[in-house]
Amino acid sequence: MSAAGTVGAVAQVLLVAAGAPLLVGVMRQVRARLEGRAGAGVAQPWRDLRKLLRKEPIAPHGTGVLFRAAPLVLAGAALVAAGVVPLVTTASPLDGIADLFAVIALLALGTVFLALAGLDTATAFGGMGASREMVVLALVEPTILLSVFALSARVGSTNLGEIVTTTLHDPQLVVSPVSLLAAVALAIVTIAETGRIPVDNPSTHLELTMIHEAMVLEYAGPDLALVEWASAMRLTVLLGLFANLFAPWGIAGTSLLMLPVALLAFSAKVVVLGGALAAGEVFMAKLRMFRVPELLAGSFLMALLAVAASFFLAGP
């Protein structure tokens, strides 16, 4: 365990925690500009969180400890994922537990708790949102596992740090058929996992189209602030993971001098991906709910082809 790795792990957690709302602000600002509006500014999500934190926490009548615990579990899982995933450094002291299956389970944990909280409210919207979220989760998680597993086959390990390091030392792997198929599949499921268009619309409150918003409709005050903050961190972590799996250049190893460069590189890559995602949303419409499984099934097929190609190219 190196000092650079420890400092890098702490730095990436702080960067994700502080920068995630700003990423959401950048994405909203990009959409506003493309739609001909001035926008509220990049710092508006932080102002919204500050306003929510000043309000009184309110819980619906009849809800239990699960409703209160879900925002804490969601935020805690996002923070731990921010420390485990190789975003800024591959020499983190947590690198030993940065296993593909552990990270995916960690992200799924927060989603499951939020769905249970939606059911705990005993409202029609909460139950509808929870059931839809579980449908999406059941299709998204296997695709993420297969996409990253296809990249891990050539490394011989499911450790995310080792996968990133291998791609960093052998850049030609990025343009292989395995990487291209995995990238497309992972891009689609990242959109679904973070509740973006065309799978979900984070800015809508129409009862027939809500997924994530339906589950958090009963939250208010500090609890809602935690949910919104955790959602922004999950978006940042997934975009950062996607960027470093296919373009890991700039990530730090055991050098303290590389950490400022790594922080800037990570921020630039995430902002570019977030801006591109926001720009694409302007020109896309949300899919009907019964069409979402078709899209996710297509991404699963691409991930499956990526796994098959990885073993075919690996040879006997």
Protein backbone atom coordinates (compact mmCIF):
# COMPACT_ATOMS: atom_id res chain seq x y z
CA MET A 1 0.00 0.00 0.00
CA SER A 2 1.63 3.23 -1.21
CA ALA A 3 1.10 6.77 0.02
CA ALA A 4 0.18 7.85 -3.52
CA GLY A 5 -2.51 5.16 -3.65
CA THR A 6 -4.02 6.23 -0.34
CA VAL A 7 -4.00 9.91 -1.27
CA GLY A 8 -5.45 9.07 -4.68
CA ALA A 9 -8.28 7.01 -3.19
CA VAL A 10 -9.22 9.80 -0.78
CA ALA A 11 -8.94 12.39 -3.57
CA GLN A 12 -11.23 10.50 -5.92
CA VAL A 13 -13.88 10.04 -3.23
CA LEU A 14 -13.79 13.76 -2.42
CA LEU A 15 -13.84 14.66 -6.12
CA VAL A 16 -16.86 12.46 -6.81
CA ALA A 17 -18.69 13.69 -3.70
CA ALA A 18 -18.10 17.37 -4.47
CA GLY A 19 -18.15 17.21 -8.25
CA ALA A 20 -21.15 14.94 -8.90
CA PRO A 21 -23.77 17.70 -8.46
CA LEU A 22 -21.65 19.96 -10.66
CA LEU A 23 -21.68 17.27 -13.38
CA VAL A 24 -25.46 17.22 -13.22
CA GLY A 25 -25.39 21.02 -13.48
CA VAL A 26 -23.18 20.84 -16.56
CA MET A 27 -25.53 18.35 -18.20
CA ARG A 28 -28.56 20.51 -17.45
CA GLN A 29 -26.74 23.55 -18.78
CA VAL A 30 -25.84 21.75 -22.02
CA ARG A 31 -29.45 20.75 -22.52
CA ALA A 32 -30.66 24.26 -21.76
CA ARG A 33 -28.28 25.83 -24.28
CA LEU A 34 -29.23 23.36 -27.01
CA GLU A 35 -32.92 24.02 -26.32
CA GLY A 36 -32.41 27.79 -26.54
CA ARG A 37 -32.69 28.50 -22.81
CA ALA A 38 -30.24 30.32 -20.54
CA GLY A 39 -30.20 27.61 -17.86
CA ALA A 40 -29.95 27.92 -14.10
CA GLY A 41 -26.17 27.61 -13.96
CA VAL A 42 -23.75 24.79 -13.26
CA ALA A 43 -23.93 25.23 -9.47
CA GLN A 44 -27.75 25.02 -9.29
CA PRO A 45 -27.82 21.35 -8.10
CA TRP A 46 -25.67 22.29 -5.09
CA ARG A 47 -28.04 25.16 -4.32
CA ASP A 48 -30.98 22.75 -4.52
CA LEU A 49 -29.25 20.33 -2.13
CA ARG A 50 -28.51 23.13 0.32
CA LYS A 51 -32.16 24.19 0.25
CA LEU A 52 -33.37 20.63 0.85
CA LEU A 53 -30.96 20.13 3.76
CA ARG A 54 -32.47 23.15 5.54
CA LYS A 55 -35.97 21.69 5.41
CA GLU A 56 -37.63 19.51 8.01
CA PRO A 57 -37.45 15.75 7.33
CA ILE A 58 -40.92 14.33 6.70
CA ALA A 59 -41.90 10.68 6.36
CA PRO A 60 -45.27 9.38 5.13
CA HIS A 61 -47.57 7.83 7.71
CA GLY A 62 -47.06 4.10 8.09
CA THR A 63 -43.51 3.89 6.72
CA GLY A 64 -40.87 2.09 8.75
CA VAL A 65 -37.13 2.12 9.27
CA LEU A 66 -36.57 0.88 5.71
CA PHE A 67 -37.87 4.14 4.26
CA ARG A 68 -35.45 6.12 6.42
CA ALA A 69 -32.50 3.82 5.83
CA ALA A 70 -32.71 3.68 2.03
CA PRO A 71 -31.18 7.14 1.35
CA LEU A 72 -28.29 6.39 3.73
CA VAL A 73 -27.62 3.00 2.11
CA LEU A 74 -27.85 4.51 -1.38
CA ALA A 75 -25.41 7.32 -0.53
CA GLY A 76 -23.10 5.00 1.40
CA ALA A 77 -22.94 2.49 -1.46
CA ALA A 78 -22.16 5.28 -3.93
CA LEU A 79 -19.34 6.62 -1.73
CA VAL A 80 -17.81 3.17 -1.26
CA ALA A 81 -18.02 2.55 -5.01
CA ALA A 82 -16.28 5.89 -5.58
CA GLY A 83 -13.42 4.70 -3.40
CA VAL A 84 -13.17 1.20 -4.88
CA VAL A 85 -13.50 1.83 -8.63
CA PRO A 86 -10.22 2.91 -10.30
CA LEU A 87 -11.17 6.45 -11.27
CA VAL A 88 -8.02 8.45 -10.44
CA THR A 89 -5.50 5.80 -9.37
CA THR A 90 -4.93 2.08 -9.86
CA ALA A 91 -2.87 1.83 -6.65
CA SER A 92 -5.71 2.36 -4.20
CA PRO A 93 -5.50 0.44 -0.90
CA LEU A 94 -9.01 -0.79 -1.76
CA ASP A 95 -7.84 -2.23 -5.07
CA GLY A 96 -7.95 -5.74 -3.61
CA ILE A 97 -11.75 -5.56 -3.32
CA ALA A 98 -12.26 -3.76 -6.64
CA ASP A 99 -13.66 -6.94 -8.12
CA LEU A 100 -16.20 -6.70 -10.92
CA PHE A 101 -18.82 -8.74 -9.09
CA ALA A 102 -18.34 -6.89 -5.80
CA VAL A 103 -18.71 -3.46 -7.42
CA ILE A 104 -21.84 -4.45 -9.37
CA ALA A 105 -23.37 -5.95 -6.22
CA LEU A 106 -22.54 -2.76 -4.34
CA LEU A 107 -24.32 -0.58 -6.91
CA ALA A 108 -27.28 -2.96 -6.98
CA LEU A 109 -27.56 -2.81 -3.19
CA GLY A 110 -28.54 0.87 -3.24
CA THR A 111 -31.06 0.29 -6.03
CA VAL A 112 -32.71 -2.60 -4.19
CA PHE A 113 -33.01 -0.59 -0.97
CA LEU A 114 -34.57 2.32 -2.86
CA ALA A 115 -37.07 -0.02 -4.50
CA LEU A 116 -37.96 -1.50 -1.09
CA ALA A 117 -38.45 2.04 0.23
CA GLY A 118 -40.84 2.71 -2.65
CA LEU A 119 -42.83 -0.38 -1.67
CA ASP A 120 -42.73 0.65 1.98
CA THR A 121 -44.75 3.78 1.22
CA ALA A 122 -47.70 1.56 0.13
CA THR A 123 -48.59 4.04 -2.62
CA ALA A 124 -49.47 3.23 -6.22
CA PHE A 125 -46.61 5.35 -7.57
CA GLY A 126 -44.05 3.80 -5.23
CA GLY A 127 -45.04 0.25 -6.11
CA MET A 128 -45.15 1.03 -9.83
CA GLY A 129 -41.71 2.65 -9.78
CA ALA A 130 -40.23 -0.20 -7.72
CA SER A 131 -41.55 -2.89 -10.06
CA ARG A 132 -40.28 -1.03 -13.12
CA GLU A 133 -36.88 -0.48 -11.50
CA MET A 134 -36.55 -4.19 -10.76
CA VAL A 135 -37.34 -5.02 -14.39
CA VAL A 136 -34.60 -2.65 -15.54
CA LEU A 137 -32.18 -3.92 -12.87
CA ALA A 138 -32.73 -7.56 -13.88
CA LEU A 139 -31.76 -6.70 -17.46
CA VAL A 140 -28.98 -4.21 -16.73
CA GLU A 141 -26.86 -6.06 -14.16
CA PRO A 142 -26.16 -9.17 -16.31
CA THR A 143 -25.18 -6.92 -19.23
CA ILE A 144 -22.71 -4.94 -17.11
CA LEU A 145 -21.22 -8.17 -15.78
CA LEU A 146 -20.83 -9.68 -19.26
CA SER A 147 -19.46 -6.46 -20.80
CA VAL A 148 -16.69 -6.06 -18.25
CA PHE A 149 -16.13 -9.82 -18.09
CA ALA A 150 -15.39 -9.76 -21.83
CA LEU A 151 -12.65 -7.22 -21.13
CA SER A 152 -11.36 -9.26 -18.19
CA ALA A 153 -10.95 -12.47 -20.23
CA ARG A 154 -7.78 -11.16 -21.90
CA VAL A 155 -6.40 -10.09 -18.50
CA GLY A 156 -7.20 -13.26 -16.61
CA SER A 157 -8.71 -11.34 -13.71
CA THR A 158 -12.00 -9.62 -12.85
CA ASN A 159 -10.18 -6.96 -10.84
CA LEU A 160 -11.07 -3.58 -12.33
CA GLY A 161 -7.67 -2.08 -11.55
CA GLU A 162 -5.88 -4.83 -13.48
CA ILE A 163 -8.24 -4.43 -16.46
CA VAL A 164 -7.58 -0.68 -16.59
CA THR A 165 -3.81 -1.17 -16.20
CA THR A 166 -3.71 -3.72 -19.03
CA THR A 167 -5.56 -1.38 -21.39
CA LEU A 168 -3.24 1.46 -20.37
CA HIS A 169 -0.14 -0.57 -21.27
CA ASP A 170 -1.62 -2.06 -24.46
CA PRO A 171 -3.72 0.69 -26.15
CA GLN A 172 -4.43 -1.36 -29.28
CA LEU A 173 -6.89 -3.44 -27.23
CA VAL A 174 -9.31 -0.48 -27.34
CA VAL A 175 -9.95 -0.92 -31.07
CA SER A 176 -10.52 -4.68 -30.89
CA PRO A 177 -13.96 -6.16 -31.71
CA VAL A 178 -14.33 -7.21 -28.08
CA SER A 179 -13.86 -3.66 -26.82
CA LEU A 180 -16.19 -2.17 -29.42
CA LEU A 181 -19.03 -4.59 -28.63
CA ALA A 182 -18.51 -4.20 -24.89
CA ALA A 183 -18.41 -0.40 -25.18
CA VAL A 184 -21.74 -0.22 -27.01
CA ALA A 185 -23.42 -2.61 -24.56
CA LEU A 186 -21.97 -0.82 -21.54
CA ALA A 187 -23.01 2.60 -22.89
CA ILE A 188 -26.63 1.48 -23.21
CA VAL A 189 -26.83 -0.04 -19.74
CA THR A 190 -25.09 2.96 -18.19
CA ILE A 191 -27.88 5.13 -19.56
CA ALA A 192 -30.45 2.71 -18.13
CA GLU A 193 -28.72 2.36 -14.76
CA THR A 194 -28.57 6.12 -14.26
CA GLY A 195 -32.17 6.71 -15.37
CA ARG A 196 -31.46 8.83 -18.44
CA ILE A 197 -33.36 9.19 -21.72
CA PRO A 198 -34.45 7.05 -23.59
CA VAL A 199 -34.98 4.62 -20.68
CA ASP A 200 -36.15 7.14 -18.07
CA ASN A 201 -36.55 10.90 -17.83
CA PRO A 202 -35.11 12.38 -14.61
CA SER A 203 -36.97 15.67 -15.09
CA THR A 204 -40.50 14.30 -15.48
CA HIS A 205 -43.29 13.70 -13.00
CA LEU A 206 -45.80 12.16 -15.40
CA GLU A 207 -47.20 9.09 -13.69
CA LEU A 208 -47.16 6.92 -16.83
CA THR A 209 -43.45 7.44 -17.53
CA MET A 210 -41.80 7.62 -14.10
CA ILE A 211 -39.36 4.97 -12.90
CA HIS A 212 -36.78 6.47 -10.54
CA GLU A 213 -38.90 9.52 -9.72
CA ALA A 214 -41.86 7.34 -8.74
CA MET A 215 -39.81 5.62 -6.03
CA VAL A 216 -38.58 8.88 -4.48
CA LEU A 217 -41.83 10.81 -4.81
CA GLU A 218 -42.56 10.57 -1.07
CA TYR A 219 -39.12 11.80 0.03
CA ALA A 220 -38.57 15.39 1.16
CA GLY A 221 -35.98 17.53 2.90
CA PRO A 222 -32.62 15.98 3.88
CA ASP A 223 -33.72 12.49 2.78
CA LEU A 224 -34.46 13.74 -0.73
CA ALA A 225 -31.13 15.61 -0.74
CA LEU A 226 -29.30 12.34 0.04
CA VAL A 227 -31.15 10.51 -2.75
CA GLU A 228 -30.38 13.22 -5.31
CA TRP A 229 -26.74 13.44 -4.21
CA ALA A 230 -26.33 9.65 -4.35
CA SER A 231 -27.90 9.50 -7.83
CA ALA A 232 -25.43 12.14 -9.05
CA MET A 233 -22.51 10.18 -7.55
CA ARG A 234 -23.67 6.94 -9.20
CA LEU A 235 -23.80 8.75 -12.55
CA THR A 236 -20.28 10.10 -12.02
CA VAL A 237 -18.86 6.73 -10.97
CA LEU A 238 -20.41 4.86 -13.91
CA LEU A 239 -19.27 7.45 -16.44
CA GLY A 240 -15.80 7.42 -14.89
CA LEU A 241 -15.65 3.62 -14.97
CA PHE A 242 -16.75 3.62 -18.61
CA ALA A 243 -14.11 6.21 -19.51
CA ASN A 244 -11.27 4.38 -17.75
CA LEU A 245 -12.17 0.97 -19.14
CA PHE A 246 -11.83 2.22 -22.72
CA ALA A 247 -9.67 5.37 -22.39
CA PRO A 248 -7.59 5.03 -19.21
CA TRP A 249 -4.93 7.54 -20.25
CA GLY A 250 -4.11 10.02 -17.51
CA ILE A 251 -4.90 7.71 -14.60
CA ALA A 252 -2.24 7.69 -11.85
CA GLY A 253 -0.32 4.72 -10.53
CA THR A 254 2.12 4.97 -7.63
CA SER A 255 3.35 8.49 -8.41
CA LEU A 256 2.16 11.42 -6.30
CA LEU A 257 3.20 13.82 -9.06
CA MET A 258 0.66 12.25 -11.43
CA LEU A 259 -2.29 12.74 -9.09
CA PRO A 260 -3.12 16.35 -10.15
CA VAL A 261 -2.94 15.26 -13.80
CA ALA A 262 -5.13 12.25 -13.04
CA LEU A 263 -7.73 14.40 -11.27
CA LEU A 264 -7.88 16.79 -14.23
CA ALA A 265 -8.02 13.92 -16.74
CA PHE A 266 -10.84 12.20 -14.85
CA SER A 267 -12.81 15.45 -14.58
CA ALA A 268 -12.36 16.20 -18.29
CA LYS A 269 -13.40 12.71 -19.40
CA VAL A 270 -16.51 12.66 -17.21
CA VAL A 271 -17.57 16.16 -18.28
CA VAL A 272 -17.15 15.25 -21.96
CA LEU A 273 -19.18 12.05 -21.55
CA GLY A 274 -21.84 13.83 -19.50
CA GLY A 275 -22.08 16.65 -22.03
CA ALA A 276 -22.38 14.17 -24.90
CA LEU A 277 -25.09 12.27 -23.02
CA ALA A 278 -27.02 15.47 -22.32
CA ALA A 279 -26.69 16.61 -25.94
CA GLY A 280 -27.99 13.27 -27.17
CA GLU A 281 -31.02 13.51 -24.89
CA VAL A 282 -32.14 16.68 -26.66
CA PHE A 283 -32.59 14.75 -29.90
CA MET A 284 -34.14 11.59 -28.41
CA ALA A 285 -37.55 10.78 -27.00
CA LYS A 286 -38.21 8.48 -24.08
CA LEU A 287 -39.12 4.95 -25.06
CA ARG A 288 -42.38 3.38 -23.99
CA MET A 289 -41.94 1.09 -21.02
CA PHE A 290 -42.62 -2.09 -22.99
CA ARG A 291 -39.91 -1.12 -25.50
CA VAL A 292 -37.21 -0.72 -22.82
CA PRO A 293 -36.68 -4.50 -22.38
CA GLU A 294 -36.13 -4.76 -26.15
CA LEU A 295 -33.36 -2.14 -25.99
CA LEU A 296 -31.73 -3.77 -22.97
CA ALA A 297 -32.03 -7.23 -24.53
CA GLY A 298 -30.13 -5.90 -27.54
CA SER A 299 -27.37 -4.61 -25.26
CA PHE A 300 -27.26 -8.00 -23.50
CA LEU A 301 -26.81 -9.71 -26.87
CA MET A 302 -23.90 -7.38 -27.70
CA ALA A 303 -22.28 -8.16 -24.35
CA LEU A 304 -22.74 -11.88 -24.99
CA LEU A 305 -21.11 -11.52 -28.42
CA ALA A 306 -18.24 -9.62 -26.78
CA VAL A 307 -17.66 -12.51 -24.37
CA ALA A 308 -17.78 -15.04 -27.20
CA ALA A 309 -15.35 -12.94 -29.27
CA SER A 310 -12.96 -12.58 -26.33
CA PHE A 311 -12.68 -16.36 -25.91
CA PHE A 312 -12.47 -16.91 -29.67
CA LEU A 313 -9.61 -14.42 -30.04
CA ALA A 314 -7.86 -15.79 -26.96
CA GLY A 315 -7.52 -19.13 -28.72
CA PRO A 316 -6.90 -22.54 -27.10
